[in-house]
Amino acid sequence: MLIGSLAGGLCAGGGFCAGSAEVIEHQRLSAAAYTFSAALPAMLATTASETIRLLQDEPGYQMGLRENGRALRAQLDPRSEWVVCTSVVENPVLLLVLKREVVLARRLSVVEQEGLLQEVVDEALANGVLITRLKSLPLPVGTGPRDQQWQLQPALKVCTTTGLSKKEIEKAGVVIRHAVTKVMTRKR
């Protein structure tokens, strides 16, 4: 499935979804209703337009975001024995999931993984770094085993920014990594 959205990258609204007929039918029937038949509100259109102008006029923002993303990832993925980053390297939003061997060794259910990750979020916040968990809607009543494959894997969601220096980004990465380690070693 290919998706595109103006909501995240351009702080606006609107988007698209494309894929095979079966996937689109599943998306249409299972997704939360969030379709508008009206035009994009003027404030969101202006925001999207200004964001595009800014990115075209000052390409340094994109390069800085990529550099900060690499610096943040370097503090987390290769150095943590508990989590792995599933996002592509160019993505400024890092999704950190518990390593498969950790989940299997501890026999963690989805609910238990979500609880541990929420503790990581709370621990990071207590140390001055704001992150969140990837959240999804619960499966509807009456769904069968075939529908279980659509359930998202619990993950931490860490957003990179150009608003911080490389040193500040690296420090935030260390705080997050230590929060993960603290929570996971406490739960033995």
C-alpha atoms as a PDB file:
ATOM      1  CA  MET A   1       0.000   0.000   0.000  1.00  0.00           C
ATOM      2  CA  LEU A   2       1.242   3.460  -0.843  1.00  0.00           C
ATOM      3  CA  ILE A   3       0.067   6.345   1.311  1.00  0.00           C
ATOM      4  CA  GLY A   4       0.808  10.020   1.328  1.00  0.00           C
ATOM      5  CA  SER A   5      -0.298  12.694   3.714  1.00  0.00           C
ATOM      6  CA  LEU A   6       0.070  16.413   4.136  1.00  0.00           C
ATOM      7  CA  ALA A   7      -0.804  16.097   7.826  1.00  0.00           C
ATOM      8  CA  GLY A   8       2.624  15.214   9.199  1.00  0.00           C
ATOM      9  CA  GLY A   9       5.253  16.577   6.888  1.00  0.00           C
ATOM     10  CA  LEU A  10       3.469  19.786   5.974  1.00  0.00           C
ATOM     11  CA  CYS A  11       1.433  20.320   9.158  1.00  0.00           C
ATOM     12  CA  ALA A  12      -1.697  20.451   7.027  1.00  0.00           C
ATOM     13  CA  GLY A  13      -4.379  17.934   6.045  1.00  0.00           C
ATOM     14  CA  GLY A  14      -5.358  15.610   3.259  1.00  0.00           C
ATOM     15  CA  GLY A  15      -3.653  12.691   1.612  1.00  0.00           C
ATOM     16  CA  PHE A  16      -4.089   9.587  -0.494  1.00  0.00           C
ATOM     17  CA  CYS A  17      -3.988   5.806  -0.281  1.00  0.00           C
ATOM     18  CA  ALA A  18      -3.263   3.488  -3.241  1.00  0.00           C
ATOM     19  CA  GLY A  19      -2.910  -0.262  -3.509  1.00  0.00           C
ATOM     20  CA  SER A  20      -4.507  -3.451  -4.753  1.00  0.00           C
ATOM     21  CA  ALA A  21      -8.286  -3.685  -4.780  1.00  0.00           C
ATOM     22  CA  GLU A  22      -8.267  -6.071  -1.796  1.00  0.00           C
ATOM     23  CA  VAL A  23      -6.068  -3.827   0.332  1.00  0.00           C
ATOM     24  CA  ILE A  24      -8.069  -0.716  -0.496  1.00  0.00           C
ATOM     25  CA  GLU A  25     -11.330  -2.512   0.279  1.00  0.00           C
ATOM     26  CA  HIS A  26      -9.912  -3.559   3.662  1.00  0.00           C
ATOM     27  CA  GLN A  27      -8.754   0.002   4.309  1.00  0.00           C
ATOM     28  CA  ARG A  28     -12.118   1.432   3.309  1.00  0.00           C
ATOM     29  CA  LEU A  29     -14.083  -0.951   5.541  1.00  0.00           C
ATOM     30  CA  SER A  30     -11.735  -1.151   8.538  1.00  0.00           C
ATOM     31  CA  ALA A  31     -10.185   2.292   8.906  1.00  0.00           C
ATOM     32  CA  ALA A  32     -11.588   4.941  11.184  1.00  0.00           C
ATOM     33  CA  ALA A  33     -13.865   7.227   9.206  1.00  0.00           C
ATOM     34  CA  TYR A  34     -11.832  10.325   8.447  1.00  0.00           C
ATOM     35  CA  THR A  35     -12.929  11.396   5.011  1.00  0.00           C
ATOM     36  CA  PHE A  36     -13.951  14.905   4.099  1.00  0.00           C
ATOM     37  CA  SER A  37     -15.905  15.886   1.046  1.00  0.00           C
ATOM     38  CA  ALA A  38     -15.232  19.587   1.590  1.00  0.00           C
ATOM     39  CA  ALA A  39     -12.180  21.533   0.483  1.00  0.00           C
ATOM     40  CA  LEU A  40      -9.096  21.797   2.646  1.00  0.00           C
ATOM     41  CA  PRO A  41      -9.563  24.578   5.238  1.00  0.00           C
ATOM     42  CA  ALA A  42      -7.804  27.811   4.264  1.00  0.00           C
ATOM     43  CA  MET A  43      -5.501  27.795   7.304  1.00  0.00           C
ATOM     44  CA  LEU A  44      -4.236  24.287   6.489  1.00  0.00           C
ATOM     45  CA  ALA A  45      -3.811  25.133   2.797  1.00  0.00           C
ATOM     46  CA  THR A  46      -1.792  28.230   3.743  1.00  0.00           C
ATOM     47  CA  THR A  47       0.333  26.177   6.153  1.00  0.00           C
ATOM     48  CA  ALA A  48       1.069  23.558   3.482  1.00  0.00           C
ATOM     49  CA  SER A  49       1.911  26.236   0.913  1.00  0.00           C
ATOM     50  CA  GLU A  50       4.252  28.073   3.286  1.00  0.00           C
ATOM     51  CA  THR A  51       5.956  24.821   4.310  1.00  0.00           C
ATOM     52  CA  ILE A  52       6.608  23.932   0.663  1.00  0.00           C
ATOM     53  CA  ARG A  53       7.982  27.425   0.025  1.00  0.00           C
ATOM     54  CA  LEU A  54      10.261  27.178   3.065  1.00  0.00           C
ATOM     55  CA  LEU A  55      11.596  23.775   2.005  1.00  0.00           C
ATOM     56  CA  GLN A  56      12.289  25.020  -1.526  1.00  0.00           C
ATOM     57  CA  ASP A  57      13.947  28.250  -0.422  1.00  0.00           C
ATOM     58  CA  GLU A  58      16.048  26.731   2.370  1.00  0.00           C
ATOM     59  CA  PRO A  59      17.156  23.152   1.558  1.00  0.00           C
ATOM     60  CA  GLY A  60      19.393  23.235   4.639  1.00  0.00           C
ATOM     61  CA  TYR A  61      16.379  22.284   6.743  1.00  0.00           C
ATOM     62  CA  GLN A  62      16.124  18.910   5.038  1.00  0.00           C
ATOM     63  CA  MET A  63      19.855  18.233   5.319  1.00  0.00           C
ATOM     64  CA  GLY A  64      19.827  19.225   9.007  1.00  0.00           C
ATOM     65  CA  LEU A  65      16.845  16.969   9.670  1.00  0.00           C
ATOM     66  CA  ARG A  66      18.564  14.022   7.999  1.00  0.00           C
ATOM     67  CA  GLU A  67      21.764  14.636   9.974  1.00  0.00           C
ATOM     68  CA  ASN A  68      19.856  14.869  13.256  1.00  0.00           C
ATOM     69  CA  GLY A  69      17.934  11.715  12.361  1.00  0.00           C
ATOM     70  CA  ARG A  70      21.170   9.812  11.790  1.00  0.00           C
ATOM     71  CA  ALA A  71      22.628  11.148  15.059  1.00  0.00           C
ATOM     72  CA  LEU A  72      19.524  10.101  17.008  1.00  0.00           C
ATOM     73  CA  ARG A  73      19.407   6.665  15.397  1.00  0.00           C
ATOM     74  CA  ALA A  74      23.105   6.133  16.181  1.00  0.00           C
ATOM     75  CA  GLN A  75      22.361   6.548  19.892  1.00  0.00           C
ATOM     76  CA  LEU A  76      19.515   4.034  19.852  1.00  0.00           C
ATOM     77  CA  ASP A  77      19.468   1.202  17.356  1.00  0.00           C
ATOM     78  CA  PRO A  78      22.983  -0.194  17.314  1.00  0.00           C
ATOM     79  CA  ARG A  79      23.571   0.489  21.007  1.00  0.00           C
ATOM     80  CA  SER A  80      20.449  -0.931  22.631  1.00  0.00           C
ATOM     81  CA  GLU A  81      20.130  -4.597  23.488  1.00  0.00           C
ATOM     82  CA  TRP A  82      16.362  -4.161  23.899  1.00  0.00           C
ATOM     83  CA  VAL A  83      14.982  -2.261  20.890  1.00  0.00           C
ATOM     84  CA  VAL A  84      15.522  -2.019  17.150  1.00  0.00           C
ATOM     85  CA  CYS A  85      14.498   0.782  14.789  1.00  0.00           C
ATOM     86  CA  THR A  86      12.130  -0.364  12.031  1.00  0.00           C
ATOM     87  CA  SER A  87      12.000   2.964  10.161  1.00  0.00           C
ATOM     88  CA  VAL A  88      14.032   3.556   7.028  1.00  0.00           C
ATOM     89  CA  VAL A  89      17.160   5.615   7.598  1.00  0.00           C
ATOM     90  CA  GLU A  90      15.786   8.702   5.799  1.00  0.00           C
ATOM     91  CA  ASN A  91      12.639   8.823   7.949  1.00  0.00           C
ATOM     92  CA  PRO A  92      12.814  11.500  10.684  1.00  0.00           C
ATOM     93  CA  VAL A  93      10.232   9.533  12.698  1.00  0.00           C
ATOM     94  CA  LEU A  94      11.885   6.562  14.383  1.00  0.00           C
ATOM     95  CA  LEU A  95       9.746   3.574  15.345  1.00  0.00           C
ATOM     96  CA  LEU A  96      11.504   1.514  18.003  1.00  0.00           C
ATOM     97  CA  VAL A  97      10.149  -1.980  18.672  1.00  0.00           C
ATOM     98  CA  LEU A  98      11.254  -4.504  21.231  1.00  0.00           C
ATOM     99  CA  LYS A  99      13.664  -6.971  19.657  1.00  0.00           C
ATOM    100  CA  ARG A 100      12.036 -10.233  18.650  1.00  0.00           C
ATOM    101  CA  GLU A 101      14.321 -12.275  20.896  1.00  0.00           C
ATOM    102  CA  VAL A 102      13.342 -10.123  23.908  1.00  0.00           C
ATOM    103  CA  VAL A 103       9.630 -10.589  23.202  1.00  0.00           C
ATOM    104  CA  LEU A 104      10.046 -14.346  22.753  1.00  0.00           C
ATOM    105  CA  ALA A 105      12.360 -14.858  25.752  1.00  0.00           C
ATOM    106  CA  ARG A 106       9.990 -13.009  28.071  1.00  0.00           C
ATOM    107  CA  ARG A 107       6.839 -14.274  26.364  1.00  0.00           C
ATOM    108  CA  LEU A 108       5.466 -10.751  26.187  1.00  0.00           C
ATOM    109  CA  SER A 109       1.929 -10.246  24.948  1.00  0.00           C
ATOM    110  CA  VAL A 110       1.003  -7.184  22.923  1.00  0.00           C
ATOM    111  CA  VAL A 111      -0.591  -5.657  26.029  1.00  0.00           C
ATOM    112  CA  GLU A 112       2.550  -6.306  28.099  1.00  0.00           C
ATOM    113  CA  GLN A 113       4.742  -4.766  25.380  1.00  0.00           C
ATOM    114  CA  GLU A 114       2.523  -1.687  25.293  1.00  0.00           C
ATOM    115  CA  GLY A 115       2.771  -1.400  29.088  1.00  0.00           C
ATOM    116  CA  LEU A 116       6.567  -1.607  29.040  1.00  0.00           C
ATOM    117  CA  LEU A 117       6.803   0.946  26.255  1.00  0.00           C
ATOM    118  CA  GLN A 118       4.504   3.311  28.148  1.00  0.00           C
ATOM    119  CA  GLU A 119       6.843   3.021  31.136  1.00  0.00           C
ATOM    120  CA  VAL A 120       9.714   3.980  28.803  1.00  0.00           C
ATOM    121  CA  VAL A 121       7.719   7.015  27.625  1.00  0.00           C
ATOM    122  CA  ASP A 122       7.118   8.034  31.259  1.00  0.00           C
ATOM    123  CA  GLU A 123      10.771   7.503  32.224  1.00  0.00           C
ATOM    124  CA  ALA A 124      12.046   9.536  29.264  1.00  0.00           C
ATOM    125  CA  LEU A 125       9.622  12.346  30.111  1.00  0.00           C
ATOM    126  CA  ALA A 126      10.802  12.338  33.733  1.00  0.00           C
ATOM    127  CA  ASN A 127      14.276  12.991  32.288  1.00  0.00           C
ATOM    128  CA  GLY A 128      13.191  15.823  30.000  1.00  0.00           C
ATOM    129  CA  VAL A 129      12.625  14.002  26.688  1.00  0.00           C
ATOM    130  CA  LEU A 130       9.146  13.785  25.185  1.00  0.00           C
ATOM    131  CA  ILE A 131       8.397  10.696  23.090  1.00  0.00           C
ATOM    132  CA  THR A 132       5.239   8.662  22.608  1.00  0.00           C
ATOM    133  CA  ARG A 133       4.035   5.192  21.729  1.00  0.00           C
ATOM    134  CA  LEU A 134       2.585   4.169  18.409  1.00  0.00           C
ATOM    135  CA  LYS A 135      -1.099   3.826  19.183  1.00  0.00           C
ATOM    136  CA  SER A 136      -3.804   2.021  17.257  1.00  0.00           C
ATOM    137  CA  LEU A 137      -7.477   1.364  17.595  1.00  0.00           C
ATOM    138  CA  PRO A 138      -8.451  -1.974  19.161  1.00  0.00           C
ATOM    139  CA  LEU A 139      -9.670  -4.626  16.758  1.00  0.00           C
ATOM    140  CA  PRO A 140     -13.447  -4.548  16.302  1.00  0.00           C
ATOM    141  CA  VAL A 141     -15.602  -7.119  18.047  1.00  0.00           C
ATOM    142  CA  GLY A 142     -16.112 -10.184  15.897  1.00  0.00           C
ATOM    143  CA  THR A 143     -12.791 -10.092  14.090  1.00  0.00           C
ATOM    144  CA  GLY A 144     -11.237 -13.448  13.350  1.00  0.00           C
ATOM    145  CA  PRO A 145      -7.681 -14.797  13.383  1.00  0.00           C
ATOM    146  CA  ARG A 146      -7.158 -13.622   9.809  1.00  0.00           C
ATOM    147  CA  ASP A 147      -7.719 -10.039  10.959  1.00  0.00           C
ATOM    148  CA  GLN A 148      -5.025 -10.332  13.655  1.00  0.00           C
ATOM    149  CA  GLN A 149      -2.326  -9.836  11.004  1.00  0.00           C
ATOM    150  CA  TRP A 150      -3.436  -6.210  10.664  1.00  0.00           C
ATOM    151  CA  GLN A 151      -2.592  -5.420  14.283  1.00  0.00           C
ATOM    152  CA  LEU A 152       0.296  -2.981  14.687  1.00  0.00           C
ATOM    153  CA  GLN A 153       3.414  -4.053  16.526  1.00  0.00           C
ATOM    154  CA  PRO A 154       3.819  -2.005  19.736  1.00  0.00           C
ATOM    155  CA  ALA A 155       6.497   0.656  19.230  1.00  0.00           C
ATOM    156  CA  LEU A 156       7.976   3.839  20.589  1.00  0.00           C
ATOM    157  CA  LYS A 157       7.581   6.829  18.280  1.00  0.00           C
ATOM    158  CA  VAL A 158      10.497   9.271  18.375  1.00  0.00           C
ATOM    159  CA  CYS A 159      10.414  12.377  16.180  1.00  0.00           C
ATOM    160  CA  THR A 160      13.586  14.102  15.022  1.00  0.00           C
ATOM    161  CA  THR A 161      13.679  17.892  14.758  1.00  0.00           C
ATOM    162  CA  THR A 162      15.885  20.630  13.387  1.00  0.00           C
ATOM    163  CA  GLY A 163      15.052  22.688  16.455  1.00  0.00           C
ATOM    164  CA  LEU A 164      17.842  21.027  18.441  1.00  0.00           C
ATOM    165  CA  SER A 165      21.584  20.907  17.893  1.00  0.00           C
ATOM    166  CA  LYS A 166      23.330  17.632  17.073  1.00  0.00           C
ATOM    167  CA  LYS A 167      24.669  17.505  20.630  1.00  0.00           C
ATOM    168  CA  GLU A 168      21.159  17.968  22.080  1.00  0.00           C
ATOM    169  CA  ILE A 169      19.801  15.266  19.751  1.00  0.00           C
ATOM    170  CA  GLU A 170      22.535  12.855  20.851  1.00  0.00           C
ATOM    171  CA  LYS A 171      21.786  13.611  24.518  1.00  0.00           C
ATOM    172  CA  ALA A 172      18.080  12.944  23.928  1.00  0.00           C
ATOM    173  CA  GLY A 173      19.004   9.630  22.292  1.00  0.00           C
ATOM    174  CA  VAL A 174      21.057   8.647  25.326  1.00  0.00           C
ATOM    175  CA  VAL A 175      18.153   9.551  27.647  1.00  0.00           C
ATOM    176  CA  ILE A 176      15.791   7.384  25.602  1.00  0.00           C
ATOM    177  CA  ARG A 177      18.232   4.467  25.489  1.00  0.00           C
ATOM    178  CA  HIS A 178      18.775   4.657  29.253  1.00  0.00           C
ATOM    179  CA  ALA A 179      15.005   4.823  29.840  1.00  0.00           C
ATOM    180  CA  VAL A 180      14.553   1.631  27.810  1.00  0.00           C
ATOM    181  CA  THR A 181      17.349  -0.105  29.702  1.00  0.00           C
ATOM    182  CA  LYS A 182      16.020   0.994  33.097  1.00  0.00           C
ATOM    183  CA  VAL A 183      12.500  -0.256  32.375  1.00  0.00           C
ATOM    184  CA  MET A 184      13.619  -3.525  30.798  1.00  0.00           C
ATOM    185  CA  THR A 185      16.117  -4.422  33.531  1.00  0.00           C
ATOM    186  CA  ARG A 186      13.572  -3.605  36.234  1.00  0.00           C
ATOM    187  CA  LYS A 187      11.069  -6.055  34.724  1.00  0.00           C
ATOM    188  CA  ARG A 188      13.135  -9.261  34.976  1.00  0.00           C
END
